[in-house]
N, C-alpha and C. Protein backbone atom coordinates (compact mmCIF):
# COMPACT_ATOMS: atom_id res chain seq x y z
N MET A 1 0.82 -1.19 0.00
CA MET A 1 0.00 0.00 0.00
C MET A 1 0.87 1.27 0.00
N ARG A 2 1.94 1.23 0.81
CA ARG A 2 2.81 2.40 0.89
C ARG A 2 3.48 2.66 -0.46
N ARG A 3 3.93 1.58 -1.12
CA ARG A 3 4.57 1.73 -2.42
C ARG A 3 3.58 2.30 -3.44
N ARG A 4 2.35 1.82 -3.39
CA ARG A 4 1.34 2.32 -4.31
C ARG A 4 1.06 3.79 -4.06
N ARG A 5 1.02 4.17 -2.79
CA ARG A 5 0.77 5.57 -2.45
C ARG A 5 1.87 6.47 -3.00
N TRP A 6 3.12 6.01 -2.86
CA TRP A 6 4.24 6.80 -3.36
C TRP A 6 4.21 6.89 -4.88
N LEU A 7 3.81 5.84 -5.56
CA LEU A 7 3.69 5.86 -7.01
C LEU A 7 2.64 6.87 -7.46
N ILE A 8 1.54 6.92 -6.72
CA ILE A 8 0.48 7.89 -7.05
C ILE A 8 0.99 9.31 -6.86
N VAL A 9 1.66 9.55 -5.74
CA VAL A 9 2.20 10.88 -5.46
C VAL A 9 3.20 11.29 -6.54
N ALA A 10 4.08 10.34 -6.89
CA ALA A 10 5.08 10.63 -7.92
C ALA A 10 4.41 10.93 -9.26
N GLY A 11 3.37 10.15 -9.58
CA GLY A 11 2.66 10.38 -10.84
C GLY A 11 2.01 11.75 -10.89
N VAL A 12 1.41 12.14 -9.77
CA VAL A 12 0.77 13.46 -9.70
C VAL A 12 1.82 14.56 -9.84
N ALA A 13 2.96 14.36 -9.18
CA ALA A 13 4.03 15.36 -9.24
C ALA A 13 4.56 15.51 -10.66
N VAL A 14 4.75 14.40 -11.34
CA VAL A 14 5.24 14.44 -12.72
C VAL A 14 4.22 15.13 -13.63
N ALA A 15 2.95 14.79 -13.44
CA ALA A 15 1.90 15.42 -14.24
C ALA A 15 1.84 16.92 -14.00
N ALA A 16 1.98 17.33 -12.75
CA ALA A 16 1.95 18.75 -12.43
C ALA A 16 3.15 19.47 -13.05
N LEU A 17 4.32 18.83 -12.96
CA LEU A 17 5.52 19.43 -13.56
C LEU A 17 5.37 19.55 -15.07
N TRP A 18 4.82 18.54 -15.69
CA TRP A 18 4.58 18.56 -17.14
C TRP A 18 3.64 19.71 -17.50
N TYR A 19 2.59 19.86 -16.74
CA TYR A 19 1.61 20.92 -17.01
C TYR A 19 2.25 22.30 -16.89
N VAL A 20 2.99 22.51 -15.80
CA VAL A 20 3.61 23.81 -15.56
C VAL A 20 4.64 24.13 -16.64
N THR A 21 5.39 23.11 -17.07
CA THR A 21 6.48 23.33 -18.02
C THR A 21 6.00 23.47 -19.46
N PHE A 22 5.06 22.61 -19.86
CA PHE A 22 4.72 22.52 -21.27
C PHE A 22 3.32 23.03 -21.63
N ILE A 23 2.46 23.26 -20.66
CA ILE A 23 1.07 23.61 -20.96
C ILE A 23 0.70 25.00 -20.46
N HIS A 24 0.97 25.27 -19.20
CA HIS A 24 0.49 26.50 -18.57
C HIS A 24 1.16 27.74 -19.15
N THR A 25 0.38 28.78 -19.38
CA THR A 25 0.90 30.06 -19.85
C THR A 25 0.36 31.19 -18.98
N PRO A 26 1.07 32.32 -18.91
CA PRO A 26 0.56 33.46 -18.15
C PRO A 26 -0.74 33.98 -18.76
N PRO A 27 -1.58 34.63 -17.98
CA PRO A 27 -2.83 35.17 -18.52
C PRO A 27 -2.57 36.30 -19.51
N GLY A 28 -3.47 36.45 -20.46
CA GLY A 28 -3.33 37.52 -21.44
C GLY A 28 -3.29 36.97 -22.85
N PRO A 29 -3.40 37.85 -23.84
CA PRO A 29 -3.45 37.42 -25.24
C PRO A 29 -2.07 37.01 -25.76
N ARG A 30 -2.08 36.13 -26.75
CA ARG A 30 -0.84 35.80 -27.45
C ARG A 30 -0.60 36.89 -28.50
N SER A 31 -0.04 37.98 -28.07
CA SER A 31 0.14 39.12 -28.95
C SER A 31 1.47 39.79 -28.69
N LEU A 32 2.16 40.19 -29.75
CA LEU A 32 3.40 40.92 -29.60
C LEU A 32 3.15 42.33 -29.06
N ARG A 33 1.95 42.83 -29.25
CA ARG A 33 1.65 44.23 -28.96
C ARG A 33 1.19 44.46 -27.52
N ALA A 34 0.84 43.43 -26.81
CA ALA A 34 0.32 43.58 -25.44
C ALA A 34 1.40 43.18 -24.44
N PHE A 35 2.01 44.15 -23.80
CA PHE A 35 3.07 43.85 -22.83
C PHE A 35 3.12 44.93 -21.77
N ASP A 36 3.71 44.58 -20.63
CA ASP A 36 3.89 45.51 -19.51
C ASP A 36 5.19 46.28 -19.76
N ALA A 37 5.07 47.53 -20.17
CA ALA A 37 6.24 48.31 -20.57
C ALA A 37 7.27 48.44 -19.46
N ASP A 38 6.83 48.70 -18.24
CA ASP A 38 7.76 48.89 -17.13
C ASP A 38 8.49 47.59 -16.80
N ARG A 39 7.78 46.48 -16.88
CA ARG A 39 8.40 45.19 -16.58
C ARG A 39 9.43 44.82 -17.64
N VAL A 40 9.10 45.09 -18.91
CA VAL A 40 10.05 44.82 -19.99
C VAL A 40 11.31 45.65 -19.80
N ALA A 41 11.15 46.92 -19.46
CA ALA A 41 12.30 47.79 -19.24
C ALA A 41 13.15 47.30 -18.07
N GLU A 42 12.49 46.89 -17.00
CA GLU A 42 13.21 46.39 -15.81
C GLU A 42 14.07 45.18 -16.17
N LEU A 43 13.49 44.25 -16.90
CA LEU A 43 14.22 43.04 -17.26
C LEU A 43 15.32 43.33 -18.28
N GLU A 44 15.06 44.27 -19.18
CA GLU A 44 16.10 44.60 -20.16
C GLU A 44 17.31 45.24 -19.50
N VAL A 45 17.09 46.11 -18.54
CA VAL A 45 18.23 46.69 -17.82
C VAL A 45 19.05 45.60 -17.15
N ASP A 46 18.37 44.66 -16.53
CA ASP A 46 19.07 43.56 -15.87
C ASP A 46 19.84 42.72 -16.89
N MET A 47 19.26 42.53 -18.08
CA MET A 47 19.95 41.76 -19.12
C MET A 47 21.16 42.52 -19.64
N TRP A 48 21.04 43.83 -19.79
CA TRP A 48 22.20 44.61 -20.23
C TRP A 48 23.33 44.51 -19.23
N GLN A 49 23.00 44.59 -17.95
CA GLN A 49 24.04 44.46 -16.93
C GLN A 49 24.70 43.08 -16.99
N ALA A 50 23.87 42.06 -17.20
CA ALA A 50 24.42 40.71 -17.30
C ALA A 50 25.29 40.55 -18.54
N TYR A 51 24.87 41.15 -19.65
CA TYR A 51 25.63 41.04 -20.89
C TYR A 51 27.01 41.66 -20.75
N TYR A 52 27.08 42.85 -20.16
CA TYR A 52 28.36 43.55 -20.09
C TYR A 52 29.29 42.97 -19.03
N THR A 53 28.76 42.20 -18.10
CA THR A 53 29.62 41.52 -17.13
C THR A 53 29.82 40.05 -17.51
N LYS A 54 29.28 39.68 -18.69
CA LYS A 54 29.37 38.30 -19.21
C LYS A 54 28.80 37.28 -18.21
N ALA A 55 27.74 37.68 -17.54
CA ALA A 55 27.02 36.78 -16.63
C ALA A 55 25.96 36.05 -17.46
N ASN A 56 26.40 35.05 -18.21
CA ASN A 56 25.53 34.42 -19.21
C ASN A 56 24.35 33.69 -18.60
N LEU A 57 24.52 33.10 -17.43
CA LEU A 57 23.40 32.41 -16.79
C LEU A 57 22.31 33.40 -16.38
N GLN A 58 22.74 34.54 -15.85
CA GLN A 58 21.78 35.58 -15.48
C GLN A 58 21.06 36.10 -16.72
N LEU A 59 21.81 36.30 -17.80
CA LEU A 59 21.22 36.76 -19.05
C LEU A 59 20.17 35.78 -19.55
N PHE A 60 20.50 34.49 -19.51
CA PHE A 60 19.55 33.47 -19.97
C PHE A 60 18.30 33.45 -19.09
N ARG A 61 18.50 33.53 -17.79
CA ARG A 61 17.36 33.52 -16.86
C ARG A 61 16.42 34.68 -17.15
N ASP A 62 16.99 35.88 -17.29
CA ASP A 62 16.17 37.05 -17.55
C ASP A 62 15.44 36.95 -18.89
N LEU A 63 16.12 36.42 -19.88
CA LEU A 63 15.50 36.24 -21.19
C LEU A 63 14.29 35.31 -21.11
N VAL A 64 14.45 34.22 -20.41
CA VAL A 64 13.35 33.25 -20.29
C VAL A 64 12.16 33.89 -19.59
N ILE A 65 12.42 34.60 -18.51
CA ILE A 65 11.34 35.26 -17.78
C ILE A 65 10.67 36.31 -18.66
N LEU A 66 11.48 37.11 -19.37
CA LEU A 66 10.92 38.15 -20.23
C LEU A 66 10.05 37.55 -21.32
N LEU A 67 10.54 36.51 -21.98
CA LEU A 67 9.78 35.89 -23.07
C LEU A 67 8.48 35.27 -22.56
N ARG A 68 8.55 34.63 -21.42
CA ARG A 68 7.34 34.02 -20.87
C ARG A 68 6.30 35.09 -20.54
N GLU A 69 6.73 36.18 -19.92
CA GLU A 69 5.78 37.21 -19.52
C GLU A 69 5.31 38.05 -20.70
N GLN A 70 6.22 38.37 -21.62
CA GLN A 70 5.87 39.27 -22.72
C GLN A 70 5.04 38.56 -23.79
N TYR A 71 5.43 37.32 -24.14
CA TYR A 71 4.74 36.60 -25.22
C TYR A 71 3.79 35.52 -24.72
N ARG A 72 3.68 35.38 -23.40
CA ARG A 72 2.83 34.35 -22.79
C ARG A 72 3.23 32.95 -23.25
N TYR A 73 4.54 32.71 -23.29
CA TYR A 73 5.07 31.39 -23.63
C TYR A 73 4.89 30.42 -22.47
N THR A 74 4.89 29.13 -22.78
CA THR A 74 5.13 28.13 -21.75
C THR A 74 6.59 28.25 -21.32
N TRP A 75 6.91 27.68 -20.16
CA TRP A 75 8.31 27.71 -19.72
C TRP A 75 9.21 27.00 -20.72
N ALA A 76 8.73 25.89 -21.29
CA ALA A 76 9.54 25.14 -22.24
C ALA A 76 9.84 25.97 -23.48
N ARG A 77 8.80 26.61 -24.03
CA ARG A 77 8.99 27.41 -25.23
C ARG A 77 9.88 28.62 -24.94
N ALA A 78 9.66 29.24 -23.78
CA ALA A 78 10.51 30.36 -23.39
C ALA A 78 11.97 29.92 -23.25
N GLY A 79 12.17 28.71 -22.75
CA GLY A 79 13.53 28.20 -22.60
C GLY A 79 14.23 28.01 -23.93
N VAL A 80 13.51 27.47 -24.90
CA VAL A 80 14.10 27.25 -26.23
C VAL A 80 14.41 28.59 -26.90
N ALA A 81 13.43 29.50 -26.90
CA ALA A 81 13.65 30.81 -27.52
C ALA A 81 14.75 31.58 -26.79
N GLY A 82 14.73 31.53 -25.46
CA GLY A 82 15.75 32.20 -24.68
C GLY A 82 17.14 31.67 -24.95
N PHE A 83 17.24 30.36 -25.16
CA PHE A 83 18.54 29.77 -25.50
C PHE A 83 19.09 30.37 -26.79
N HIS A 84 18.23 30.50 -27.81
CA HIS A 84 18.69 31.06 -29.09
C HIS A 84 19.11 32.51 -28.94
N PHE A 85 18.31 33.31 -28.24
CA PHE A 85 18.65 34.72 -28.05
C PHE A 85 19.94 34.86 -27.23
N ALA A 86 20.05 34.09 -26.16
CA ALA A 86 21.21 34.19 -25.29
C ALA A 86 22.48 33.75 -26.01
N ARG A 87 22.38 32.69 -26.79
CA ARG A 87 23.57 32.23 -27.52
C ARG A 87 23.98 33.26 -28.56
N ALA A 88 23.00 33.87 -29.23
CA ALA A 88 23.34 34.91 -30.21
C ALA A 88 24.04 36.08 -29.53
N ALA A 89 23.51 36.53 -28.39
CA ALA A 89 24.11 37.67 -27.69
C ALA A 89 25.50 37.33 -27.17
N ALA A 90 25.66 36.13 -26.60
CA ALA A 90 26.96 35.73 -26.05
C ALA A 90 28.00 35.62 -27.15
N ARG A 91 27.63 35.04 -28.28
CA ARG A 91 28.58 34.89 -29.40
C ARG A 91 28.94 36.25 -29.97
N PHE A 92 27.93 37.10 -30.12
CA PHE A 92 28.19 38.44 -30.66
C PHE A 92 29.15 39.20 -29.75
N GLY A 93 28.99 39.05 -28.45
CA GLY A 93 29.86 39.76 -27.52
C GLY A 93 31.32 39.42 -27.69
N ASN A 94 31.62 38.24 -28.21
CA ASN A 94 33.01 37.81 -28.39
C ASN A 94 33.51 37.99 -29.81
N MET A 95 32.67 38.48 -30.69
CA MET A 95 33.04 38.62 -32.10
C MET A 95 33.56 40.01 -32.41
N ARG A 96 34.37 40.08 -33.46
CA ARG A 96 34.79 41.37 -34.01
C ARG A 96 34.64 41.37 -35.52
N ALA A 97 34.10 40.31 -36.07
CA ALA A 97 33.84 40.20 -37.51
C ALA A 97 32.92 39.00 -37.74
N ASP A 98 32.47 38.84 -38.99
CA ASP A 98 31.60 37.71 -39.36
C ASP A 98 30.38 37.62 -38.45
N TYR A 99 29.75 38.75 -38.21
CA TYR A 99 28.61 38.81 -37.29
C TYR A 99 27.41 38.00 -37.77
N GLU A 100 27.36 37.73 -39.07
CA GLU A 100 26.22 36.99 -39.62
C GLU A 100 26.07 35.60 -39.01
N GLN A 101 27.09 35.14 -38.32
CA GLN A 101 27.02 33.81 -37.70
C GLN A 101 25.91 33.72 -36.64
N VAL A 102 25.50 34.86 -36.11
CA VAL A 102 24.45 34.82 -35.07
C VAL A 102 23.04 34.83 -35.68
N LEU A 103 22.93 35.05 -36.98
CA LEU A 103 21.61 35.15 -37.61
C LEU A 103 20.75 33.89 -37.46
N PRO A 104 21.31 32.68 -37.58
CA PRO A 104 20.45 31.50 -37.42
C PRO A 104 19.76 31.44 -36.06
N ASP A 105 20.47 31.80 -34.98
CA ASP A 105 19.84 31.79 -33.66
C ASP A 105 18.76 32.87 -33.55
N LEU A 106 19.04 34.07 -34.03
CA LEU A 106 18.04 35.13 -33.98
C LEU A 106 16.81 34.76 -34.81
N THR A 107 17.05 34.20 -35.98
CA THR A 107 15.93 33.80 -36.84
C THR A 107 15.09 32.71 -36.18
N ALA A 108 15.75 31.74 -35.56
CA ALA A 108 15.03 30.66 -34.88
C ALA A 108 14.15 31.21 -33.76
N ALA A 109 14.69 32.14 -32.98
CA ALA A 109 13.93 32.72 -31.86
C ALA A 109 12.72 33.50 -32.37
N TYR A 110 12.90 34.26 -33.41
CA TYR A 110 11.77 35.04 -33.94
C TYR A 110 10.77 34.18 -34.69
N THR A 111 11.21 33.06 -35.20
CA THR A 111 10.27 32.11 -35.81
C THR A 111 9.33 31.55 -34.75
N ILE A 112 9.87 31.25 -33.58
CA ILE A 112 9.04 30.77 -32.48
C ILE A 112 8.00 31.82 -32.11
N ALA A 113 8.42 33.10 -32.03
CA ALA A 113 7.50 34.18 -31.68
C ALA A 113 6.41 34.34 -32.74
N ARG A 114 6.78 34.29 -34.00
CA ARG A 114 5.79 34.44 -35.06
C ARG A 114 4.77 33.32 -35.02
N ASP A 115 5.25 32.09 -34.92
CA ASP A 115 4.34 30.94 -34.93
C ASP A 115 3.42 30.93 -33.71
N TRP A 116 3.95 31.31 -32.56
CA TRP A 116 3.17 31.28 -31.32
C TRP A 116 2.08 32.34 -31.31
N THR A 117 2.40 33.54 -31.81
CA THR A 117 1.46 34.64 -31.76
C THR A 117 0.57 34.75 -33.00
N GLY A 118 0.87 33.97 -34.02
CA GLY A 118 0.08 34.04 -35.24
C GLY A 118 0.37 35.29 -36.06
N ALA A 119 1.53 35.90 -35.84
CA ALA A 119 1.90 37.09 -36.60
C ALA A 119 2.34 36.71 -38.02
N ARG A 120 2.62 37.73 -38.85
CA ARG A 120 2.97 37.47 -40.24
C ARG A 120 4.33 38.03 -40.63
N PHE A 121 5.10 38.52 -39.66
CA PHE A 121 6.39 39.12 -39.99
C PHE A 121 7.38 38.07 -40.47
N ASP A 122 8.43 38.54 -41.13
CA ASP A 122 9.49 37.67 -41.64
C ASP A 122 10.57 37.52 -40.56
N PRO A 123 10.70 36.35 -39.94
CA PRO A 123 11.70 36.20 -38.86
C PRO A 123 13.12 36.52 -39.31
N ALA A 124 13.48 36.12 -40.53
CA ALA A 124 14.83 36.40 -41.02
C ALA A 124 15.03 37.90 -41.19
N GLY A 125 13.99 38.60 -41.62
CA GLY A 125 14.09 40.05 -41.76
C GLY A 125 14.26 40.74 -40.43
N VAL A 126 13.53 40.30 -39.42
CA VAL A 126 13.68 40.87 -38.08
C VAL A 126 15.08 40.58 -37.55
N ALA A 127 15.57 39.37 -37.76
CA ALA A 127 16.91 39.01 -37.29
C ALA A 127 17.98 39.89 -37.92
N ARG A 128 17.88 40.12 -39.22
CA ARG A 128 18.86 40.98 -39.90
C ARG A 128 18.77 42.42 -39.39
N ALA A 129 17.55 42.89 -39.16
CA ALA A 129 17.37 44.26 -38.67
C ALA A 129 17.94 44.41 -37.26
N GLU A 130 17.75 43.40 -36.42
CA GLU A 130 18.30 43.47 -35.06
C GLU A 130 19.82 43.45 -35.09
N LEU A 131 20.38 42.57 -35.90
CA LEU A 131 21.83 42.51 -36.00
C LEU A 131 22.40 43.82 -36.53
N ALA A 132 21.68 44.49 -37.40
CA ALA A 132 22.17 45.74 -37.98
C ALA A 132 22.41 46.79 -36.90
N TRP A 133 21.49 46.90 -35.92
CA TRP A 133 21.72 47.92 -34.90
C TRP A 133 22.71 47.46 -33.84
N TRP A 134 22.81 46.15 -33.64
CA TRP A 134 23.88 45.65 -32.76
C TRP A 134 25.24 46.07 -33.32
N VAL A 135 25.43 45.83 -34.62
CA VAL A 135 26.71 46.13 -35.26
C VAL A 135 26.96 47.64 -35.29
N ALA A 136 25.92 48.42 -35.62
CA ALA A 136 26.09 49.87 -35.72
C ALA A 136 26.60 50.47 -34.42
N ARG A 137 26.21 49.90 -33.30
CA ARG A 137 26.66 50.44 -32.01
C ARG A 137 28.16 50.27 -31.81
N ARG A 138 28.80 49.44 -32.64
CA ARG A 138 30.24 49.22 -32.52
C ARG A 138 31.05 50.02 -33.54
N VAL A 139 30.38 50.69 -34.45
CA VAL A 139 31.08 51.35 -35.55
C VAL A 139 31.10 52.86 -35.32
N PRO A 140 32.28 53.44 -35.09
CA PRO A 140 32.36 54.90 -34.91
C PRO A 140 31.75 55.62 -36.11
N GLY A 141 30.96 56.61 -35.81
CA GLY A 141 30.29 57.35 -36.87
C GLY A 141 28.90 56.83 -37.16
N ARG A 142 28.67 55.55 -36.87
CA ARG A 142 27.34 54.97 -37.03
C ARG A 142 26.68 54.70 -35.69
N ASP A 143 27.39 54.97 -34.60
CA ASP A 143 26.93 54.60 -33.27
C ASP A 143 26.18 55.74 -32.56
N THR A 144 25.77 56.76 -33.31
CA THR A 144 25.01 57.84 -32.68
C THR A 144 23.62 57.34 -32.32
N ALA A 145 23.01 57.97 -31.34
CA ALA A 145 21.67 57.57 -30.93
C ALA A 145 20.68 57.71 -32.07
N GLU A 146 20.86 58.75 -32.88
CA GLU A 146 19.93 58.97 -33.99
C GLU A 146 20.00 57.83 -35.01
N GLN A 147 21.22 57.41 -35.38
CA GLN A 147 21.35 56.36 -36.38
C GLN A 147 20.95 55.00 -35.83
N VAL A 148 21.39 54.71 -34.63
CA VAL A 148 21.02 53.42 -34.02
C VAL A 148 19.52 53.39 -33.75
N GLY A 149 18.97 54.51 -33.30
CA GLY A 149 17.53 54.57 -33.06
C GLY A 149 16.72 54.31 -34.30
N ARG A 150 17.20 54.81 -35.43
CA ARG A 150 16.50 54.57 -36.69
C ARG A 150 16.54 53.08 -37.04
N LEU A 151 17.66 52.44 -36.79
CA LEU A 151 17.77 51.00 -37.08
C LEU A 151 16.87 50.18 -36.16
N ILE A 152 16.78 50.58 -34.89
CA ILE A 152 15.87 49.89 -33.97
C ILE A 152 14.44 50.06 -34.45
N ALA A 153 14.10 51.27 -34.88
CA ALA A 153 12.75 51.51 -35.39
C ALA A 153 12.46 50.66 -36.63
N GLU A 154 13.46 50.46 -37.46
CA GLU A 154 13.28 49.61 -38.64
C GLU A 154 12.97 48.17 -38.23
N GLU A 155 13.65 47.71 -37.17
CA GLU A 155 13.32 46.37 -36.66
C GLU A 155 11.89 46.34 -36.13
N TYR A 156 11.53 47.33 -35.34
CA TYR A 156 10.17 47.39 -34.80
C TYR A 156 9.13 47.38 -35.92
N ALA A 157 9.41 48.12 -36.97
CA ALA A 157 8.44 48.21 -38.07
C ALA A 157 8.19 46.84 -38.70
N ILE A 158 9.24 46.03 -38.81
CA ILE A 158 9.08 44.69 -39.37
C ILE A 158 8.40 43.78 -38.36
N LEU A 159 8.88 43.81 -37.12
CA LEU A 159 8.38 42.91 -36.08
C LEU A 159 6.90 43.15 -35.78
N TYR A 160 6.53 44.41 -35.64
CA TYR A 160 5.16 44.74 -35.25
C TYR A 160 4.27 45.06 -36.44
N GLU A 161 4.84 44.96 -37.64
CA GLU A 161 4.08 45.23 -38.86
C GLU A 161 3.39 46.59 -38.77
N ALA A 162 4.21 47.61 -38.46
CA ALA A 162 3.72 48.96 -38.23
C ALA A 162 4.53 49.96 -39.05
N PRO A 163 3.96 51.12 -39.38
CA PRO A 163 4.74 52.16 -40.06
C PRO A 163 5.91 52.60 -39.20
N ILE A 164 7.04 52.83 -39.82
CA ILE A 164 8.24 53.16 -39.05
C ILE A 164 8.06 54.47 -38.27
N GLU A 165 7.28 55.41 -38.82
CA GLU A 165 7.06 56.67 -38.12
C GLU A 165 6.33 56.44 -36.79
N GLN A 166 5.57 55.38 -36.72
CA GLN A 166 4.80 55.08 -35.51
C GLN A 166 5.69 54.64 -34.36
N VAL A 167 6.84 54.06 -34.68
CA VAL A 167 7.71 53.49 -33.65
C VAL A 167 9.07 54.19 -33.58
N ALA A 168 9.23 55.29 -34.33
CA ALA A 168 10.52 55.96 -34.40
C ALA A 168 10.96 56.51 -33.05
N ASP A 169 10.04 57.15 -32.33
CA ASP A 169 10.39 57.73 -31.02
C ASP A 169 10.85 56.65 -30.05
N SER A 170 10.19 55.51 -30.07
CA SER A 170 10.55 54.43 -29.16
C SER A 170 11.96 53.92 -29.46
N GLY A 171 12.27 53.79 -30.75
CA GLY A 171 13.60 53.34 -31.14
C GLY A 171 14.67 54.32 -30.72
N LEU A 172 14.40 55.62 -30.89
CA LEU A 172 15.38 56.64 -30.52
C LEU A 172 15.63 56.63 -29.01
N LEU A 173 14.59 56.51 -28.22
CA LEU A 173 14.76 56.48 -26.77
C LEU A 173 15.57 55.26 -26.32
N ARG A 174 15.30 54.12 -26.92
CA ARG A 174 16.07 52.91 -26.56
C ARG A 174 17.53 53.10 -26.93
N ALA A 175 17.79 53.71 -28.08
CA ALA A 175 19.18 53.96 -28.49
C ALA A 175 19.86 54.95 -27.55
N ARG A 176 19.13 55.94 -27.07
CA ARG A 176 19.70 56.89 -26.11
C ARG A 176 20.07 56.21 -24.80
N ALA A 177 19.24 55.26 -24.37
CA ALA A 177 19.56 54.50 -23.16
C ALA A 177 20.85 53.70 -23.37
N ALA A 178 20.97 53.09 -24.54
CA ALA A 178 22.17 52.31 -24.84
C ALA A 178 23.40 53.22 -24.92
N ARG A 179 23.26 54.41 -25.51
CA ARG A 179 24.36 55.36 -25.62
C ARG A 179 24.82 55.82 -24.24
N LEU A 180 23.85 56.06 -23.36
CA LEU A 180 24.18 56.47 -21.99
C LEU A 180 24.95 55.37 -21.28
N ARG A 181 24.56 54.14 -21.49
CA ARG A 181 25.28 53.02 -20.89
C ARG A 181 26.71 52.97 -21.42
N ASP A 182 26.86 53.11 -22.73
CA ASP A 182 28.19 53.04 -23.33
C ASP A 182 29.08 54.18 -22.84
N ASP A 183 28.53 55.37 -22.75
CA ASP A 183 29.33 56.52 -22.31
C ASP A 183 29.79 56.35 -20.86
N GLY A 184 28.96 55.71 -20.06
CA GLY A 184 29.31 55.52 -18.65
C GLY A 184 30.20 54.34 -18.39
N GLY A 185 30.19 53.37 -19.29
CA GLY A 185 31.01 52.17 -19.11
C GLY A 185 30.70 51.47 -17.81
N GLU A 186 31.73 51.14 -17.06
CA GLU A 186 31.54 50.44 -15.79
C GLU A 186 30.82 51.31 -14.76
N HIS A 187 30.83 52.61 -14.97
CA HIS A 187 30.20 53.53 -14.02
C HIS A 187 28.92 54.13 -14.61
N ALA A 188 28.27 53.38 -15.46
CA ALA A 188 27.04 53.86 -16.11
C ALA A 188 25.99 54.23 -15.08
N ASP A 189 25.21 55.22 -15.41
CA ASP A 189 24.11 55.67 -14.54
C ASP A 189 22.91 54.76 -14.82
N TRP A 190 22.91 53.61 -14.17
CA TRP A 190 21.87 52.62 -14.47
C TRP A 190 20.46 53.09 -14.13
N PRO A 191 20.24 53.84 -13.05
CA PRO A 191 18.88 54.37 -12.82
C PRO A 191 18.39 55.25 -13.97
N LYS A 192 19.29 56.07 -14.53
CA LYS A 192 18.90 56.91 -15.65
C LYS A 192 18.65 56.06 -16.90
N VAL A 193 19.50 55.07 -17.12
CA VAL A 193 19.29 54.15 -18.24
C VAL A 193 17.92 53.49 -18.12
N ALA A 194 17.59 53.02 -16.93
CA ALA A 194 16.29 52.38 -16.70
C ALA A 194 15.14 53.34 -16.96
N SER A 195 15.31 54.59 -16.55
CA SER A 195 14.26 55.59 -16.74
C SER A 195 13.99 55.83 -18.22
N ILE A 196 15.04 55.93 -19.02
CA ILE A 196 14.87 56.16 -20.46
C ILE A 196 14.25 54.93 -21.12
N LEU A 197 14.66 53.75 -20.69
CA LEU A 197 14.08 52.53 -21.26
C LEU A 197 12.60 52.42 -20.93
N ARG A 198 12.21 52.78 -19.72
CA ARG A 198 10.79 52.78 -19.38
C ARG A 198 10.01 53.72 -20.30
N GLU A 199 10.58 54.90 -20.52
CA GLU A 199 9.93 55.86 -21.42
C GLU A 199 9.81 55.28 -22.82
N SER A 200 10.86 54.59 -23.26
CA SER A 200 10.85 53.98 -24.60
C SER A 200 9.74 52.95 -24.74
N TYR A 201 9.66 52.03 -23.77
CA TYR A 201 8.68 50.96 -23.87
C TYR A 201 7.26 51.45 -23.60
N ARG A 202 7.11 52.47 -22.77
CA ARG A 202 5.78 53.06 -22.60
C ARG A 202 5.31 53.70 -23.90
N SER A 203 6.22 54.38 -24.59
CA SER A 203 5.89 54.98 -25.88
C SER A 203 5.52 53.90 -26.89
N LEU A 204 6.31 52.81 -26.92
CA LEU A 204 6.04 51.74 -27.86
C LEU A 204 4.70 51.09 -27.59
N ALA A 205 4.41 50.79 -26.33
CA ALA A 205 3.15 50.15 -25.99
C ALA A 205 1.97 51.04 -26.38
N ALA A 206 2.09 52.35 -26.12
CA ALA A 206 1.00 53.27 -26.44
C ALA A 206 0.79 53.36 -27.94
N ARG A 207 1.88 53.42 -28.71
CA ARG A 207 1.77 53.54 -30.15
C ARG A 207 1.19 52.26 -30.76
N LEU A 208 1.54 51.11 -30.23
CA LEU A 208 1.04 49.84 -30.77
C LEU A 208 -0.43 49.61 -30.44
N ARG A 209 -0.89 50.22 -29.34
CA ARG A 209 -2.32 50.09 -29.02
C ARG A 209 -3.18 50.88 -30.00
């Protein structure tokens, strides 16, 4: 009887774990446009800090949480997408040329987002647009907030299937946050960076509504 009881308990535990990992999703629509702007900004700041200190496990954790909350993924789906994004970011951080090597991971992650949300954007196009502003931030003369902001807006326009003028302000603000981080280096004013990112994502959420 005791063995049978333990088998039942174990079965229930496995079933619950399976449900939480592969079935359960956060409440809300499966939509790229519906997200908590302040929460996205909070997690992005934490990811930026992890990226620049090469804390890859922290970066992966934050990515998984962000994807689950923003896109209403299951934990399993968020884990797979987060793995692709984190590997792309980690590889890019160590590269000084041949940046296109990260495109397969970015494309895979955005393919998951498109299929899950029922969107119609081109994942490869979004991946190329994202890589373009990553690279621009490393190139003197192209790393201004205005130029990088325009590239971010171009990615948003593809991802959200929106006119670029609608998302231009959001892209510029995000680029300004990144520029402030770069100018500060190890002594970056992270509270100010977070404030600008919140403004960026609040603007984006409002424009997408």
